[in-house]
Amino acid sequence: MTQVTNIKAAESVIRDVDYAQESANFNKQNIISQAGTYAL
């Protein structure tokens, strides 16, 4: 049971998204996309 907990934690570090980081990246890409549309 202890092993499973630690393995799940290790998998989460690799597979799961960091919402704080990805939300910031999404906002950045969204702004760039709007700017790109204006530039086009």
PDB file of all heavy atoms in Angstrom:
ATOM      1  N   MET A   1       0.832  -1.208   0.000  1.00  0.00           N
ATOM      2  CA  MET A   1       0.000   0.000   0.000  1.00  0.00           C
ATOM      3  C   MET A   1       0.865   1.255   0.000  1.00  0.00           C
ATOM      4  O   MET A   1       0.562   2.234  -0.699  1.00  0.00           O
ATOM      5  CB  MET A   1      -0.932  -0.022   1.209  1.00  0.00           C
ATOM      6  CG  MET A   1      -2.029  -1.077   1.120  1.00  0.00           C
ATOM      7  SD  MET A   1      -3.029  -1.207   2.626  1.00  0.00           S
ATOM      8  CE  MET A   1      -3.835   0.391   2.631  1.00  0.00           C
ATOM      9  N   THR A   2       1.950   1.222   0.755  1.00  0.00           N
ATOM     10  CA  THR A   2       2.880   2.346   0.748  1.00  0.00           C
ATOM     11  C   THR A   2       3.546   2.485  -0.613  1.00  0.00           C
ATOM     12  O   THR A   2       3.714   3.603  -1.134  1.00  0.00           O
ATOM     13  CB  THR A   2       3.960   2.137   1.831  1.00  0.00           C
ATOM     14  OG1 THR A   2       3.336   2.023   3.111  1.00  0.00           O
ATOM     15  CG2 THR A   2       4.930   3.311   1.853  1.00  0.00           C
ATOM     16  N   GLN A   3       3.906   1.352  -1.226  1.00  0.00           N
ATOM     17  CA  GLN A   3       4.507   1.384  -2.551  1.00  0.00           C
ATOM     18  C   GLN A   3       3.585   2.010  -3.576  1.00  0.00           C
ATOM     19  O   GLN A   3       4.007   2.850  -4.383  1.00  0.00           O
ATOM     20  CB  GLN A   3       4.870  -0.036  -2.992  1.00  0.00           C
ATOM     21  CG  GLN A   3       6.156  -0.582  -2.407  1.00  0.00           C
ATOM     22  CD  GLN A   3       6.488  -1.946  -3.002  1.00  0.00           C
ATOM     23  OE1 GLN A   3       5.684  -2.869  -3.002  1.00  0.00           O
ATOM     24  NE2 GLN A   3       7.684  -2.079  -3.510  1.00  0.00           N
ATOM     25  N   VAL A   4       2.323   1.616  -3.559  1.00  0.00           N
ATOM     26  CA  VAL A   4       1.366   2.142  -4.528  1.00  0.00           C
ATOM     27  C   VAL A   4       1.232   3.654  -4.385  1.00  0.00           C
ATOM     28  O   VAL A   4       1.187   4.389  -5.382  1.00  0.00           O
ATOM     29  CB  VAL A   4      -0.011   1.457  -4.359  1.00  0.00           C
ATOM     30  CG1 VAL A   4      -1.092   2.195  -5.139  1.00  0.00           C
ATOM     31  CG2 VAL A   4       0.057   0.016  -4.828  1.00  0.00           C
ATOM     32  N   THR A   5       1.180   4.127  -3.153  1.00  0.00           N
ATOM     33  CA  THR A   5       1.074   5.572  -2.924  1.00  0.00           C
ATOM     34  C   THR A   5       2.265   6.310  -3.528  1.00  0.00           C
ATOM     35  O   THR A   5       2.108   7.330  -4.219  1.00  0.00           O
ATOM     36  CB  THR A   5       0.986   5.864  -1.417  1.00  0.00           C
ATOM     37  OG1 THR A   5      -0.172   5.225  -0.872  1.00  0.00           O
ATOM     38  CG2 THR A   5       0.889   7.355  -1.162  1.00  0.00           C
ATOM     39  N   ASN A   6       3.463   5.794  -3.292  1.00  0.00           N
ATOM     40  CA  ASN A   6       4.662   6.444  -3.813  1.00  0.00           C
ATOM     41  C   ASN A   6       4.748   6.352  -5.336  1.00  0.00           C
ATOM     42  O   ASN A   6       5.175   7.299  -6.005  1.00  0.00           O
ATOM     43  CB  ASN A   6       5.908   5.817  -3.178  1.00  0.00           C
ATOM     44  CG  ASN A   6       6.008   6.114  -1.690  1.00  0.00           C
ATOM     45  OD1 ASN A   6       5.516   7.134  -1.219  1.00  0.00           O
ATOM     46  ND2 ASN A   6       6.623   5.220  -0.935  1.00  0.00           N
ATOM     47  N   ILE A   7       4.335   5.204  -5.888  1.00  0.00           N
ATOM     48  CA  ILE A   7       4.368   5.042  -7.347  1.00  0.00           C
ATOM     49  C   ILE A   7       3.373   5.987  -8.007  1.00  0.00           C
ATOM     50  O   ILE A   7       3.677   6.621  -9.035  1.00  0.00           O
ATOM     51  CB  ILE A   7       4.075   3.577  -7.725  1.00  0.00           C
ATOM     52  CG1 ILE A   7       5.245   2.685  -7.302  1.00  0.00           C
ATOM     53  CG2 ILE A   7       3.850   3.439  -9.234  1.00  0.00           C
ATOM     54  CD1 ILE A   7       4.953   1.204  -7.401  1.00  0.00           C
ATOM     55  N   LYS A   8       2.177   6.108  -7.429  1.00  0.00           N
ATOM     56  CA  LYS A   8       1.175   7.021  -7.962  1.00  0.00           C
ATOM     57  C   LYS A   8       1.665   8.465  -7.911  1.00  0.00           C
ATOM     58  O   LYS A   8       1.415   9.260  -8.829  1.00  0.00           O
ATOM     59  CB  LYS A   8      -0.129   6.877  -7.173  1.00  0.00           C
ATOM     60  CG  LYS A   8      -0.924   5.633  -7.488  1.00  0.00           C
ATOM     61  CD  LYS A   8      -1.529   5.709  -8.882  1.00  0.00           C
ATOM     62  CE  LYS A   8      -2.469   4.550  -9.158  1.00  0.00           C
ATOM     63  NZ  LYS A   8      -3.039   4.622 -10.524  1.00  0.00           N
ATOM     64  N   ALA A   9       2.366   8.797  -6.827  1.00  0.00           N
ATOM     65  CA  ALA A   9       2.919  10.150  -6.712  1.00  0.00           C
ATOM     66  C   ALA A   9       3.956  10.399  -7.796  1.00  0.00           C
ATOM     67  O   ALA A   9       3.998  11.477  -8.415  1.00  0.00           O
ATOM     68  CB  ALA A   9       3.526  10.343  -5.323  1.00  0.00           C
ATOM     69  N   ALA A  10       4.807   9.391  -8.048  1.00  0.00           N
ATOM     70  CA  ALA A  10       5.830   9.541  -9.094  1.00  0.00           C
ATOM     71  C   ALA A  10       5.189   9.666 -10.468  1.00  0.00           C
ATOM     72  O   ALA A  10       5.626  10.477 -11.299  1.00  0.00           O
ATOM     73  CB  ALA A  10       6.769   8.330  -9.057  1.00  0.00           C
ATOM     74  N   GLU A  11       4.149   8.879 -10.725  1.00  0.00           N
ATOM     75  CA  GLU A  11       3.459   8.977 -12.020  1.00  0.00           C
ATOM     76  C   GLU A  11       2.796  10.342 -12.182  1.00  0.00           C
ATOM     77  O   GLU A  11       2.812  10.925 -13.270  1.00  0.00           O
ATOM     78  CB  GLU A  11       2.401   7.877 -12.129  1.00  0.00           C
ATOM     79  CG  GLU A  11       1.662   7.898 -13.459  1.00  0.00           C
ATOM     80  CD  GLU A  11       0.434   7.021 -13.469  1.00  0.00           C
ATOM     81  OE1 GLU A  11       0.134   6.378 -12.443  1.00  0.00           O
ATOM     82  OE2 GLU A  11      -0.257   6.993 -14.514  1.00  0.00           O
ATOM     83  N   SER A  12       2.222  10.844 -11.092  1.00  0.00           N
ATOM     84  CA  SER A  12       1.549  12.143 -11.150  1.00  0.00           C
ATOM     85  C   SER A  12       2.508  13.266 -11.523  1.00  0.00           C
ATOM     86  O   SER A  12       2.156  14.168 -12.302  1.00  0.00           O
ATOM     87  CB  SER A  12       0.889  12.443  -9.800  1.00  0.00           C
ATOM     88  OG  SER A  12       0.291  13.723  -9.795  1.00  0.00           O
ATOM     89  N   VAL A  13       3.730  13.200 -10.984  1.00  0.00           N
ATOM     90  CA  VAL A  13       4.726  14.229 -11.306  1.00  0.00           C
ATOM     91  C   VAL A  13       5.008  14.255 -12.803  1.00  0.00           C
ATOM     92  O   VAL A  13       5.189  15.315 -13.408  1.00  0.00           O
ATOM     93  CB  VAL A  13       6.020  13.970 -10.508  1.00  0.00           C
ATOM     94  CG1 VAL A  13       7.141  14.881 -11.004  1.00  0.00           C
ATOM     95  CG2 VAL A  13       5.784  14.191  -9.019  1.00  0.00           C
ATOM     96  N   ILE A  14       5.030  13.073 -13.421  1.00  0.00           N
ATOM     97  CA  ILE A  14       5.350  12.978 -14.846  1.00  0.00           C
ATOM     98  C   ILE A  14       4.139  13.260 -15.725  1.00  0.00           C
ATOM     99  O   ILE A  14       4.220  14.011 -16.696  1.00  0.00           O
ATOM    100  CB  ILE A  14       5.912  11.582 -15.175  1.00  0.00           C
ATOM    101  CG1 ILE A  14       7.198  11.331 -14.399  1.00  0.00           C
ATOM    102  CG2 ILE A  14       6.158  11.427 -16.670  1.00  0.00           C
ATOM    103  CD1 ILE A  14       7.719   9.917 -14.500  1.00  0.00           C
ATOM    104  N   ARG A  15       2.973  12.664 -15.382  1.00  0.00           N
ATOM    105  CA  ARG A  15       1.836  12.671 -16.292  1.00  0.00           C
ATOM    106  C   ARG A  15       0.872  13.836 -16.077  1.00  0.00           C
ATOM    107  O   ARG A  15       0.321  14.385 -17.040  1.00  0.00           O
ATOM    108  CB  ARG A  15       1.068  11.352 -16.155  1.00  0.00           C
ATOM    109  CG  ARG A  15       0.043  11.119 -17.249  1.00  0.00           C
ATOM    110  CD  ARG A  15      -0.829   9.906 -16.939  1.00  0.00           C
ATOM    111  NE  ARG A  15      -0.072   8.672 -16.895  1.00  0.00           N
ATOM    112  CZ  ARG A  15       0.183   7.916 -17.976  1.00  0.00           C
ATOM    113  NH1 ARG A  15      -0.231   8.303 -19.165  1.00  0.00           N
ATOM    114  NH2 ARG A  15       0.861   6.786 -17.844  1.00  0.00           N
ATOM    115  N   ASP A  16       0.633  14.216 -14.836  1.00  0.00           N
ATOM    116  CA  ASP A  16      -0.411  15.207 -14.549  1.00  0.00           C
ATOM    117  C   ASP A  16       0.056  16.619 -14.863  1.00  0.00           C
ATOM    118  O   ASP A  16       1.242  16.953 -14.742  1.00  0.00           O
ATOM    119  CB  ASP A  16      -0.833  15.116 -13.085  1.00  0.00           C
ATOM    120  CG  ASP A  16      -1.535  13.803 -12.769  1.00  0.00           C
ATOM    121  OD1 ASP A  16      -1.889  13.095 -13.731  1.00  0.00           O
ATOM    122  OD2 ASP A  16      -1.703  13.483 -11.583  1.00  0.00           O
ATOM    123  N   VAL A  17      -0.908  17.466 -15.220  1.00  0.00           N
ATOM    124  CA  VAL A  17      -0.595  18.847 -15.579  1.00  0.00           C
ATOM    125  C   VAL A  17      -0.523  19.707 -14.317  1.00  0.00           C
ATOM    126  O   VAL A  17      -1.233  19.463 -13.339  1.00  0.00           O
ATOM    127  CB  VAL A  17      -1.668  19.399 -16.548  1.00  0.00           C
ATOM    128  CG1 VAL A  17      -3.009  19.563 -15.841  1.00  0.00           C
ATOM    129  CG2 VAL A  17      -1.221  20.712 -17.167  1.00  0.00           C
ATOM    130  N   ASP A  18       0.349  20.686 -14.352  1.00  0.00           N
ATOM    131  CA  ASP A  18       0.410  21.707 -13.305  1.00  0.00           C
ATOM    132  C   ASP A  18      -0.528  22.834 -13.745  1.00  0.00           C
ATOM    133  O   ASP A  18      -0.220  23.587 -14.666  1.00  0.00           O
ATOM    134  CB  ASP A  18       1.847  22.220 -13.156  1.00  0.00           C
ATOM    135  CG  ASP A  18       1.998  23.220 -12.024  1.00  0.00           C
ATOM    136  OD1 ASP A  18       1.009  23.897 -11.688  1.00  0.00           O
ATOM    137  OD2 ASP A  18       3.109  23.337 -11.478  1.00  0.00           O
ATOM    138  N   TYR A  19      -1.680  22.944 -13.108  1.00  0.00           N
ATOM    139  CA  TYR A  19      -2.700  23.881 -13.574  1.00  0.00           C
ATOM    140  C   TYR A  19      -2.242  25.336 -13.483  1.00  0.00           C
ATOM    141  O   TYR A  19      -2.588  26.157 -14.343  1.00  0.00           O
ATOM    142  CB  TYR A  19      -3.998  23.685 -12.782  1.00  0.00           C
ATOM    143  CG  TYR A  19      -4.920  22.674 -13.424  1.00  0.00           C
ATOM    144  CD1 TYR A  19      -4.877  21.339 -13.059  1.00  0.00           C
ATOM    145  CD2 TYR A  19      -5.819  23.053 -14.408  1.00  0.00           C
ATOM    146  CE1 TYR A  19      -5.700  20.398 -13.645  1.00  0.00           C
ATOM    147  CE2 TYR A  19      -6.658  22.126 -15.009  1.00  0.00           C
ATOM    148  CZ  TYR A  19      -6.594  20.794 -14.622  1.00  0.00           C
ATOM    149  OH  TYR A  19      -7.409  19.876 -15.237  1.00  0.00           O
ATOM    150  N   ALA A  20      -1.502  25.670 -12.443  1.00  0.00           N
ATOM    151  CA  ALA A  20      -1.023  27.052 -12.325  1.00  0.00           C
ATOM    152  C   ALA A  20      -0.110  27.401 -13.501  1.00  0.00           C
ATOM    153  O   ALA A  20      -0.260  28.453 -14.135  1.00  0.00           O
ATOM    154  CB  ALA A  20      -0.291  27.232 -10.999  1.00  0.00           C
ATOM    155  N   GLN A  21       0.823  26.505 -13.794  1.00  0.00           N
ATOM    156  CA  GLN A  21       1.760  26.741 -14.893  1.00  0.00           C
ATOM    157  C   GLN A  21       1.053  26.731 -16.241  1.00  0.00           C
ATOM    158  O   GLN A  21       1.284  27.601 -17.090  1.00  0.00           O
ATOM    159  CB  GLN A  21       2.856  25.671 -14.855  1.00  0.00           C
ATOM    160  CG  GLN A  21       3.896  25.819 -15.965  1.00  0.00           C
ATOM    161  CD  GLN A  21       4.940  24.717 -15.898  1.00  0.00           C
ATOM    162  OE1 GLN A  21       4.897  23.878 -15.016  1.00  0.00           O
ATOM    163  NE2 GLN A  21       5.870  24.730 -16.816  1.00  0.00           N
ATOM    164  N   GLU A  22       0.156  25.748 -16.440  1.00  0.00           N
ATOM    165  CA  GLU A  22      -0.501  25.635 -17.739  1.00  0.00           C
ATOM    166  C   GLU A  22      -1.520  26.751 -17.964  1.00  0.00           C
ATOM    167  O   GLU A  22      -1.734  27.183 -19.107  1.00  0.00           O
ATOM    168  CB  GLU A  22      -1.168  24.264 -17.874  1.00  0.00           C
ATOM    169  CG  GLU A  22      -1.545  23.900 -19.292  1.00  0.00           C
ATOM    170  CD  GLU A  22      -0.349  23.922 -20.239  1.00  0.00           C
ATOM    171  OE1 GLU A  22       0.729  23.447 -19.854  1.00  0.00           O
ATOM    172  OE2 GLU A  22      -0.503  24.446 -21.367  1.00  0.00           O
ATOM    173  N   SER A  23      -2.151  27.216 -16.908  1.00  0.00           N
ATOM    174  CA  SER A  23      -3.080  28.339 -17.049  1.00  0.00           C
ATOM    175  C   SER A  23      -2.337  29.597 -17.489  1.00  0.00           C
ATOM    176  O   SER A  23      -2.820  30.362 -18.333  1.00  0.00           O
ATOM    177  CB  SER A  23      -3.806  28.595 -15.719  1.00  0.00           C
ATOM    178  OG  SER A  23      -4.629  27.507 -15.373  1.00  0.00           O
ATOM    179  N   ALA A  24      -1.169  29.806 -16.908  1.00  0.00           N
ATOM    180  CA  ALA A  24      -0.358  30.952 -17.321  1.00  0.00           C
ATOM    181  C   ALA A  24       0.068  30.816 -18.772  1.00  0.00           C
ATOM    182  O   ALA A  24       0.041  31.794 -19.547  1.00  0.00           O
ATOM    183  CB  ALA A  24       0.859  31.074 -16.411  1.00  0.00           C
ATOM    184  N   ASN A  25       0.445  29.593 -19.168  1.00  0.00           N
ATOM    185  CA  ASN A  25       0.841  29.362 -20.564  1.00  0.00           C
ATOM    186  C   ASN A  25      -0.340  29.569 -21.509  1.00  0.00           C
ATOM    187  O   ASN A  25      -0.195  30.141 -22.602  1.00  0.00           O
ATOM    188  CB  ASN A  25       1.384  27.943 -20.702  1.00  0.00           C
ATOM    189  CG  ASN A  25       1.814  27.623 -22.126  1.00  0.00           C
ATOM    190  OD1 ASN A  25       2.634  28.320 -22.708  1.00  0.00           O
ATOM    191  ND2 ASN A  25       1.240  26.567 -22.692  1.00  0.00           N
ATOM    192  N   PHE A  26      -1.544  29.126 -21.097  1.00  0.00           N
ATOM    193  CA  PHE A  26      -2.728  29.307 -21.935  1.00  0.00           C
ATOM    194  C   PHE A  26      -3.029  30.788 -22.135  1.00  0.00           C
ATOM    195  O   PHE A  26      -3.336  31.236 -23.255  1.00  0.00           O
ATOM    196  CB  PHE A  26      -3.925  28.608 -21.294  1.00  0.00           C
ATOM    197  CG  PHE A  26      -5.231  28.897 -21.973  1.00  0.00           C
ATOM    198  CD1 PHE A  26      -5.554  28.292 -23.179  1.00  0.00           C
ATOM    199  CD2 PHE A  26      -6.131  29.793 -21.411  1.00  0.00           C
ATOM    200  CE1 PHE A  26      -6.754  28.566 -23.816  1.00  0.00           C
ATOM    201  CE2 PHE A  26      -7.329  30.075 -22.041  1.00  0.00           C
ATOM    202  CZ  PHE A  26      -7.650  29.451 -23.244  1.00  0.00           C
ATOM    203  N   ASN A  27      -2.968  31.543 -21.055  1.00  0.00           N
ATOM    204  CA  ASN A  27      -3.230  32.985 -21.174  1.00  0.00           C
ATOM    205  C   ASN A  27      -2.213  33.654 -22.104  1.00  0.00           C
ATOM    206  O   ASN A  27      -2.569  34.526 -22.908  1.00  0.00           O
ATOM    207  CB  ASN A  27      -3.198  33.636 -19.789  1.00  0.00           C
ATOM    208  CG  ASN A  27      -4.391  33.240 -18.946  1.00  0.00           C
ATOM    209  OD1 ASN A  27      -5.462  32.962 -19.471  1.00  0.00           O
ATOM    210  ND2 ASN A  27      -4.208  33.189 -17.626  1.00  0.00           N
ATOM    211  N   LYS A  28      -0.946  33.227 -21.994  1.00  0.00           N
ATOM    212  CA  LYS A  28       0.082  33.783 -22.869  1.00  0.00           C
ATOM    213  C   LYS A  28      -0.205  33.453 -24.331  1.00  0.00           C
ATOM    214  O   LYS A  28      -0.175  34.331 -25.200  1.00  0.00           O
ATOM    215  CB  LYS A  28       1.452  33.238 -22.464  1.00  0.00           C
ATOM    216  CG  LYS A  28       2.596  33.789 -23.319  1.00  0.00           C
ATOM    217  CD  LYS A  28       3.913  33.112 -22.971  1.00  0.00           C
ATOM    218  CE  LYS A  28       3.950  31.696 -23.512  1.00  0.00           C
ATOM    219  NZ  LYS A  28       5.301  31.087 -23.356  1.00  0.00           N
ATOM    220  N   GLN A  29      -0.511  32.189 -24.601  1.00  0.00           N
ATOM    221  CA  GLN A  29      -0.790  31.774 -25.972  1.00  0.00           C
ATOM    222  C   GLN A  29      -2.045  32.458 -26.515  1.00  0.00           C
ATOM    223  O   GLN A  29      -2.131  32.787 -27.698  1.00  0.00           O
ATOM    224  CB  GLN A  29      -0.944  30.251 -26.044  1.00  0.00           C
ATOM    225  CG  GLN A  29       0.293  29.455 -25.674  1.00  0.00           C
ATOM    226  CD  GLN A  29       1.460  29.702 -26.612  1.00  0.00           C
ATOM    227  OE1 GLN A  29       1.272  30.040 -27.788  1.00  0.00           O
ATOM    228  NE2 GLN A  29       2.674  29.550 -26.094  1.00  0.00           N
ATOM    229  N   ASN A  30      -3.027  32.657 -25.642  1.00  0.00           N
ATOM    230  CA  ASN A  30      -4.267  33.325 -26.061  1.00  0.00           C
ATOM    231  C   ASN A  30      -3.994  34.763 -26.484  1.00  0.00           C
ATOM    232  O   ASN A  30      -4.515  35.245 -27.503  1.00  0.00           O
ATOM    233  CB  ASN A  30      -5.277  33.281 -24.914  1.00  0.00           C
ATOM    234  CG  ASN A  30      -6.678  33.615 -25.362  1.00  0.00           C
ATOM    235  OD1 ASN A  30      -7.040  33.405 -26.520  1.00  0.00           O
ATOM    236  ND2 ASN A  30      -7.467  34.168 -24.460  1.00  0.00           N
ATOM    237  N   ILE A  31      -3.164  35.461 -25.709  1.00  0.00           N
ATOM    238  CA  ILE A  31      -2.814  36.843 -26.049  1.00  0.00           C
ATOM    239  C   ILE A  31      -2.021  36.884 -27.352  1.00  0.00           C
ATOM    240  O   ILE A  31      -2.266  37.729 -28.234  1.00  0.00           O
ATOM    241  CB  ILE A  31      -2.017  37.487 -24.901  1.00  0.00           C
ATOM    242  CG1 ILE A  31      -2.910  37.650 -23.668  1.00  0.00           C
ATOM    243  CG2 ILE A  31      -1.455  38.840 -25.320  1.00  0.00           C
ATOM    244  CD1 ILE A  31      -2.174  38.075 -22.419  1.00  0.00           C
ATOM    245  N   ILE A  32      -1.063  35.960 -27.477  1.00  0.00           N
ATOM    246  CA  ILE A  32      -0.259  35.916 -28.708  1.00  0.00           C
ATOM    247  C   ILE A  32      -1.143  35.619 -29.915  1.00  0.00           C
ATOM    248  O   ILE A  32      -0.959  36.170 -31.000  1.00  0.00           O
ATOM    249  CB  ILE A  32       0.852  34.860 -28.573  1.00  0.00           C
ATOM    250  CG1 ILE A  32       1.863  35.281 -27.503  1.00  0.00           C
ATOM    251  CG2 ILE A  32       1.563  34.645 -29.906  1.00  0.00           C
ATOM    252  CD1 ILE A  32       2.916  34.235 -27.209  1.00  0.00           C
ATOM    253  N   SER A  33      -2.132  34.715 -29.725  1.00  0.00           N
ATOM    254  CA  SER A  33      -3.037  34.385 -30.821  1.00  0.00           C
ATOM    255  C   SER A  33      -3.836  35.599 -31.253  1.00  0.00           C
ATOM    256  O   SER A  33      -4.003  35.860 -32.463  1.00  0.00           O
ATOM    257  CB  SER A  33      -3.983  33.260 -30.380  1.00  0.00           C
ATOM    258  OG  SER A  33      -4.917  32.970 -31.393  1.00  0.00           O
ATOM    259  N   GLN A  34      -4.320  36.365 -30.308  1.00  0.00           N
ATOM    260  CA  GLN A  34      -5.074  37.577 -30.648  1.00  0.00           C
ATOM    261  C   GLN A  34      -4.181  38.599 -31.355  1.00  0.00           C
ATOM    262  O   GLN A  34      -4.590  39.234 -32.334  1.00  0.00           O
ATOM    263  CB  GLN A  34      -5.682  38.186 -29.386  1.00  0.00           C
ATOM    264  CG  GLN A  34      -6.739  37.317 -28.717  1.00  0.00           C
ATOM    265  CD  GLN A  34      -7.276  37.925 -27.443  1.00  0.00           C
ATOM    266  OE1 GLN A  34      -7.592  39.121 -27.401  1.00  0.00           O
ATOM    267  NE2 GLN A  34      -7.390  37.117 -26.401  1.00  0.00           N
ATOM    268  N   ALA A  35      -2.950  38.695 -30.846  1.00  0.00           N
ATOM    269  CA  ALA A  35      -2.013  39.627 -31.482  1.00  0.00           C
ATOM    270  C   ALA A  35      -1.669  39.159 -32.890  1.00  0.00           C
ATOM    271  O   ALA A  35      -1.522  39.974 -33.819  1.00  0.00           O
ATOM    272  CB  ALA A  35      -0.748  39.748 -30.635  1.00  0.00           C
ATOM    273  N   GLY A  36      -1.527  37.849 -33.074  1.00  0.00           N
ATOM    274  CA  GLY A  36      -1.226  37.309 -34.393  1.00  0.00           C
ATOM    275  C   GLY A  36      -2.344  37.560 -35.380  1.00  0.00           C
ATOM    276  O   GLY A  36      -2.098  37.848 -36.564  1.00  0.00           O
ATOM    277  N   THR A  37      -3.567  37.442 -34.912  1.00  0.00           N
ATOM    278  CA  THR A  37      -4.719  37.728 -35.789  1.00  0.00           C
ATOM    279  C   THR A  37      -4.716  39.188 -36.205  1.00  0.00           C
ATOM    280  O   THR A  37      -4.977  39.536 -37.376  1.00  0.00           O
ATOM    281  CB  THR A  37      -6.026  37.387 -35.055  1.00  0.00           C
ATOM    282  OG1 THR A  37      -6.018  35.997 -34.684  1.00  0.00           O
ATOM    283  CG2 THR A  37      -7.239  37.655 -35.940  1.00  0.00           C
ATOM    284  N   TYR A  38      -4.407  40.059 -35.258  1.00  0.00           N
ATOM    285  CA  TYR A  38      -4.333  41.489 -35.583  1.00  0.00           C
ATOM    286  C   TYR A  38      -3.201  41.760 -36.575  1.00  0.00           C
ATOM    287  O   TYR A  38      -3.374  42.520 -37.534  1.00  0.00           O
ATOM    288  CB  TYR A  38      -4.112  42.296 -34.306  1.00  0.00           C
ATOM    289  CG  TYR A  38      -3.905  43.760 -34.549  1.00  0.00           C
ATOM    290  CD1 TYR A  38      -4.983  44.597 -34.871  1.00  0.00           C
ATOM    291  CD2 TYR A  38      -2.625  44.316 -34.478  1.00  0.00           C
ATOM    292  CE1 TYR A  38      -4.788  45.945 -35.109  1.00  0.00           C
ATOM    293  CE2 TYR A  38      -2.433  45.672 -34.707  1.00  0.00           C
ATOM    294  CZ  TYR A  38      -3.513  46.484 -35.034  1.00  0.00           C
ATOM    295  OH  TYR A  38      -3.318  47.809 -35.273  1.00  0.00           O
ATOM    296  N   ALA A  39      -2.043  41.082 -36.358  1.00  0.00           N
ATOM    297  CA  ALA A  39      -0.908  41.283 -37.269  1.00  0.00           C
ATOM    298  C   ALA A  39      -1.240  40.799 -38.679  1.00  0.00           C
ATOM    299  O   ALA A  39      -0.848  41.424 -39.674  1.00  0.00           O
ATOM    300  CB  ALA A  39       0.319  40.541 -36.736  1.00  0.00           C
ATOM    301  N   LEU A  40      -1.999  39.682 -38.770  1.00  0.00           N
ATOM    302  CA  LEU A  40      -2.376  39.165 -40.082  1.00  0.00           C
ATOM    303  C   LEU A  40      -3.300  40.137 -40.805  1.00  0.00           C
ATOM    304  O   LEU A  40      -3.162  40.375 -42.014  1.00  0.00           O
ATOM    305  CB  LEU A  40      -3.055  37.804 -39.914  1.00  0.00           C
ATOM    306  CG  LEU A  40      -3.514  37.100 -41.193  1.00  0.00           C
ATOM    307  CD1 LEU A  40      -2.322  36.857 -42.123  1.00  0.00           C
ATOM    308  CD2 LEU A  40      -4.201  35.783 -40.871  1.00  0.00           C
TER     309      LEU A  40
END
